[in-house]
Amino acid sequence: QVHLVESGGGLVQPGGSLRLSCEISGIIFSWYAMGWHRQAPGKQRELVAEISGGGKTNTADSVSGRFTISRDNAKNTVYLQMNSLKPEDTAIYYCNARHAGLGRDFWGQGTQVTVSS
């Protein structure tokens, strides 16, 4: 079985920082592209950042320069460092593991991030 467990969400003031973590079990972690997506109330889920098994990253324009995705293949964990947070970053953040070649796509349960004063 595949399990993705996110942590690190919470309430933070504008301008603050949070670090999300997602630990995955049940897959060969280095084979998978890992991503963070978010969904705000009333909006569609959107990609925030993605990192390939080899470490190549892709970051949404809305968070570029503020958010950084990274991975530790030895710990089967992907991170999202979020700095200079804005109220519009408020959303549920979801971890995703994707292997396009195998057609496999797994999601975590989500972690709430709220940016408010």
C-alpha atoms as a PDB file:
ATOM      1  CA  GLN A   1       0.000   0.000   0.000  1.00  0.00           C
ATOM      2  CA  VAL A   2       1.074   3.548  -0.722  1.00  0.00           C
ATOM      3  CA  HIS A   3       0.839   6.157   2.011  1.00  0.00           C
ATOM      4  CA  LEU A   4       1.543   9.874   1.803  1.00  0.00           C
ATOM      5  CA  VAL A   5       1.565  11.723   5.111  1.00  0.00           C
ATOM      6  CA  GLU A   6       1.746  15.511   5.065  1.00  0.00           C
ATOM      7  CA  SER A   7       2.681  17.693   8.002  1.00  0.00           C
ATOM      8  CA  GLY A   8       3.695  21.257   8.773  1.00  0.00           C
ATOM      9  CA  GLY A   9       0.561  23.193   7.982  1.00  0.00           C
ATOM     10  CA  GLY A  10      -0.966  25.729  10.311  1.00  0.00           C
ATOM     11  CA  LEU A  11      -1.828  29.354  10.928  1.00  0.00           C
ATOM     12  CA  VAL A  12       0.771  31.987  10.134  1.00  0.00           C
ATOM     13  CA  GLN A  13       0.778  35.750   9.814  1.00  0.00           C
ATOM     14  CA  PRO A  14       1.358  37.456   6.472  1.00  0.00           C
ATOM     15  CA  GLY A  15       5.062  37.580   5.722  1.00  0.00           C
ATOM     16  CA  GLY A  16       5.723  34.483   7.785  1.00  0.00           C
ATOM     17  CA  SER A  17       7.111  31.092   6.811  1.00  0.00           C
ATOM     18  CA  LEU A  18       6.077  27.470   6.990  1.00  0.00           C
ATOM     19  CA  ARG A  19       7.722  24.240   5.893  1.00  0.00           C
ATOM     20  CA  LEU A  20       5.530  21.402   4.685  1.00  0.00           C
ATOM     21  CA  SER A  21       6.753  17.827   4.681  1.00  0.00           C
ATOM     22  CA  CYS A  22       5.370  14.751   2.966  1.00  0.00           C
ATOM     23  CA  GLU A  23       6.695  11.305   3.773  1.00  0.00           C
ATOM     24  CA  ILE A  24       5.830   8.514   1.372  1.00  0.00           C
ATOM     25  CA  SER A  25       5.912   4.765   1.803  1.00  0.00           C
ATOM     26  CA  GLY A  26       5.098   1.912  -0.534  1.00  0.00           C
ATOM     27  CA  ILE A  27       6.812   3.198  -3.681  1.00  0.00           C
ATOM     28  CA  ILE A  28      10.338   3.450  -5.056  1.00  0.00           C
ATOM     29  CA  PHE A  29      10.519   7.109  -4.163  1.00  0.00           C
ATOM     30  CA  SER A  30      13.298   8.130  -6.542  1.00  0.00           C
ATOM     31  CA  TRP A  31      11.267   6.907  -9.513  1.00  0.00           C
ATOM     32  CA  TYR A  32       8.485   9.383  -8.898  1.00  0.00           C
ATOM     33  CA  ALA A  33       8.002  13.060  -9.584  1.00  0.00           C
ATOM     34  CA  MET A  34       6.753  14.712  -6.434  1.00  0.00           C
ATOM     35  CA  GLY A  35       4.510  17.716  -6.322  1.00  0.00           C
ATOM     36  CA  TRP A  36       2.651  20.068  -4.065  1.00  0.00           C
ATOM     37  CA  HIS A  37      -0.780  21.249  -5.125  1.00  0.00           C
ATOM     38  CA  ARG A  38      -3.241  23.492  -3.349  1.00  0.00           C
ATOM     39  CA  GLN A  39      -6.937  24.145  -3.352  1.00  0.00           C
ATOM     40  CA  ALA A  40      -8.501  27.280  -1.933  1.00  0.00           C
ATOM     41  CA  PRO A  41     -12.223  27.478  -1.106  1.00  0.00           C
ATOM     42  CA  GLY A  42     -14.272  27.824  -4.268  1.00  0.00           C
ATOM     43  CA  LYS A  43     -11.269  27.353  -6.534  1.00  0.00           C
ATOM     44  CA  GLN A  44      -9.803  24.504  -8.550  1.00  0.00           C
ATOM     45  CA  ARG A  45      -6.795  22.574  -7.328  1.00  0.00           C
ATOM     46  CA  GLU A  46      -3.610  24.008  -8.793  1.00  0.00           C
ATOM     47  CA  LEU A  47      -0.002  22.914  -9.044  1.00  0.00           C
ATOM     48  CA  VAL A  48       2.307  24.841  -6.728  1.00  0.00           C
ATOM     49  CA  ALA A  49       5.619  23.124  -7.407  1.00  0.00           C
ATOM     50  CA  GLU A  50       6.966  19.852  -8.704  1.00  0.00           C
ATOM     51  CA  ILE A  51      10.321  18.102  -8.534  1.00  0.00           C
ATOM     52  CA  SER A  52      11.513  15.191 -10.653  1.00  0.00           C
ATOM     53  CA  GLY A  53      13.290  12.153  -9.320  1.00  0.00           C
ATOM     54  CA  GLY A  54      16.544  13.743 -10.465  1.00  0.00           C
ATOM     55  CA  GLY A  55      15.812  17.045  -8.753  1.00  0.00           C
ATOM     56  CA  LYS A  56      14.580  19.232 -11.610  1.00  0.00           C
ATOM     57  CA  THR A  57      11.997  21.684 -10.308  1.00  0.00           C
ATOM     58  CA  ASN A  58       9.013  23.523 -11.713  1.00  0.00           C
ATOM     59  CA  THR A  59       7.324  26.271  -9.685  1.00  0.00           C
ATOM     60  CA  ALA A  60       4.114  28.183 -10.334  1.00  0.00           C
ATOM     61  CA  ASP A  61       4.567  31.850 -11.194  1.00  0.00           C
ATOM     62  CA  SER A  62       2.366  32.854  -8.264  1.00  0.00           C
ATOM     63  CA  VAL A  63       4.855  31.444  -5.744  1.00  0.00           C
ATOM     64  CA  SER A  64       8.132  31.707  -7.640  1.00  0.00           C
ATOM     65  CA  GLY A  65      10.819  33.309  -5.503  1.00  0.00           C
ATOM     66  CA  ARG A  66       8.865  32.610  -2.301  1.00  0.00           C
ATOM     67  CA  PHE A  67       8.345  28.829  -2.280  1.00  0.00           C
ATOM     68  CA  THR A  68      11.003  26.161  -2.752  1.00  0.00           C
ATOM     69  CA  ILE A  69      10.408  22.474  -3.299  1.00  0.00           C
ATOM     70  CA  SER A  70      13.057  19.922  -2.386  1.00  0.00           C
ATOM     71  CA  ARG A  71      13.322  16.198  -1.780  1.00  0.00           C
ATOM     72  CA  ASP A  72      15.405  13.796   0.262  1.00  0.00           C
ATOM     73  CA  ASN A  73      15.443  10.453  -1.516  1.00  0.00           C
ATOM     74  CA  ALA A  74      17.096   8.796   1.484  1.00  0.00           C
ATOM     75  CA  LYS A  75      14.155   9.778   3.684  1.00  0.00           C
ATOM     76  CA  ASN A  76      11.381   9.300   1.087  1.00  0.00           C
ATOM     77  CA  THR A  77      10.316  12.841   1.869  1.00  0.00           C
ATOM     78  CA  VAL A  78       9.466  15.935  -0.142  1.00  0.00           C
ATOM     79  CA  TYR A  79       9.394  19.424   1.335  1.00  0.00           C
ATOM     80  CA  LEU A  80       7.861  22.763   0.495  1.00  0.00           C
ATOM     81  CA  GLN A  81       9.522  25.752   2.091  1.00  0.00           C
ATOM     82  CA  MET A  82       7.104  28.661   1.996  1.00  0.00           C
ATOM     83  CA  ASN A  83       8.391  32.151   2.737  1.00  0.00           C
ATOM     84  CA  SER A  84       6.803  35.596   2.547  1.00  0.00           C
ATOM     85  CA  LEU A  85       3.372  34.044   2.845  1.00  0.00           C
ATOM     86  CA  LYS A  86       0.358  36.013   1.690  1.00  0.00           C
ATOM     87  CA  PRO A  87      -3.341  35.670   2.570  1.00  0.00           C
ATOM     88  CA  GLU A  88      -3.959  34.380  -0.957  1.00  0.00           C
ATOM     89  CA  ASP A  89      -1.719  31.393  -0.166  1.00  0.00           C
ATOM     90  CA  THR A  90      -4.423  30.144   2.197  1.00  0.00           C
ATOM     91  CA  ALA A  91      -5.502  26.722   0.983  1.00  0.00           C
ATOM     92  CA  ILE A  92      -5.349  23.022   1.626  1.00  0.00           C
ATOM     93  CA  TYR A  93      -1.990  21.789   0.372  1.00  0.00           C
ATOM     94  CA  TYR A  94      -1.762  18.298  -1.089  1.00  0.00           C
ATOM     95  CA  CYS A  95       1.270  16.142  -1.708  1.00  0.00           C
ATOM     96  CA  ASN A  96       1.331  14.152  -4.955  1.00  0.00           C
ATOM     97  CA  ALA A  97       3.501  11.309  -6.236  1.00  0.00           C
ATOM     98  CA  ARG A  98       3.366  10.744  -9.982  1.00  0.00           C
ATOM     99  CA  HIS A  99       4.949   8.260 -12.379  1.00  0.00           C
ATOM    100  CA  ALA A 100       3.742   9.093 -15.876  1.00  0.00           C
ATOM    101  CA  GLY A 101       5.306   6.018 -17.463  1.00  0.00           C
ATOM    102  CA  LEU A 102       3.565   3.622 -15.087  1.00  0.00           C
ATOM    103  CA  GLY A 103       0.366   5.667 -15.033  1.00  0.00           C
ATOM    104  CA  ARG A 104       0.466   5.885 -11.236  1.00  0.00           C
ATOM    105  CA  ASP A 105      -0.706   8.898  -9.285  1.00  0.00           C
ATOM    106  CA  PHE A 106      -1.031   9.096  -5.513  1.00  0.00           C
ATOM    107  CA  TRP A 107      -2.308  11.856  -3.211  1.00  0.00           C
ATOM    108  CA  GLY A 108      -1.984  12.731   0.433  1.00  0.00           C
ATOM    109  CA  GLN A 109      -4.874  13.742   2.633  1.00  0.00           C
ATOM    110  CA  GLY A 110      -3.958  17.437   2.609  1.00  0.00           C
ATOM    111  CA  THR A 111      -2.788  19.904   5.207  1.00  0.00           C
ATOM    112  CA  GLN A 112      -4.393  23.275   5.897  1.00  0.00           C
ATOM    113  CA  VAL A 113      -2.336  26.435   5.527  1.00  0.00           C
ATOM    114  CA  THR A 114      -3.966  29.645   6.718  1.00  0.00           C
ATOM    115  CA  VAL A 115      -2.289  33.020   6.308  1.00  0.00           C
ATOM    116  CA  SER A 116      -4.037  35.637   8.377  1.00  0.00           C
ATOM    117  CA  SER A 117      -3.325  38.390  10.855  1.00  0.00           C
END
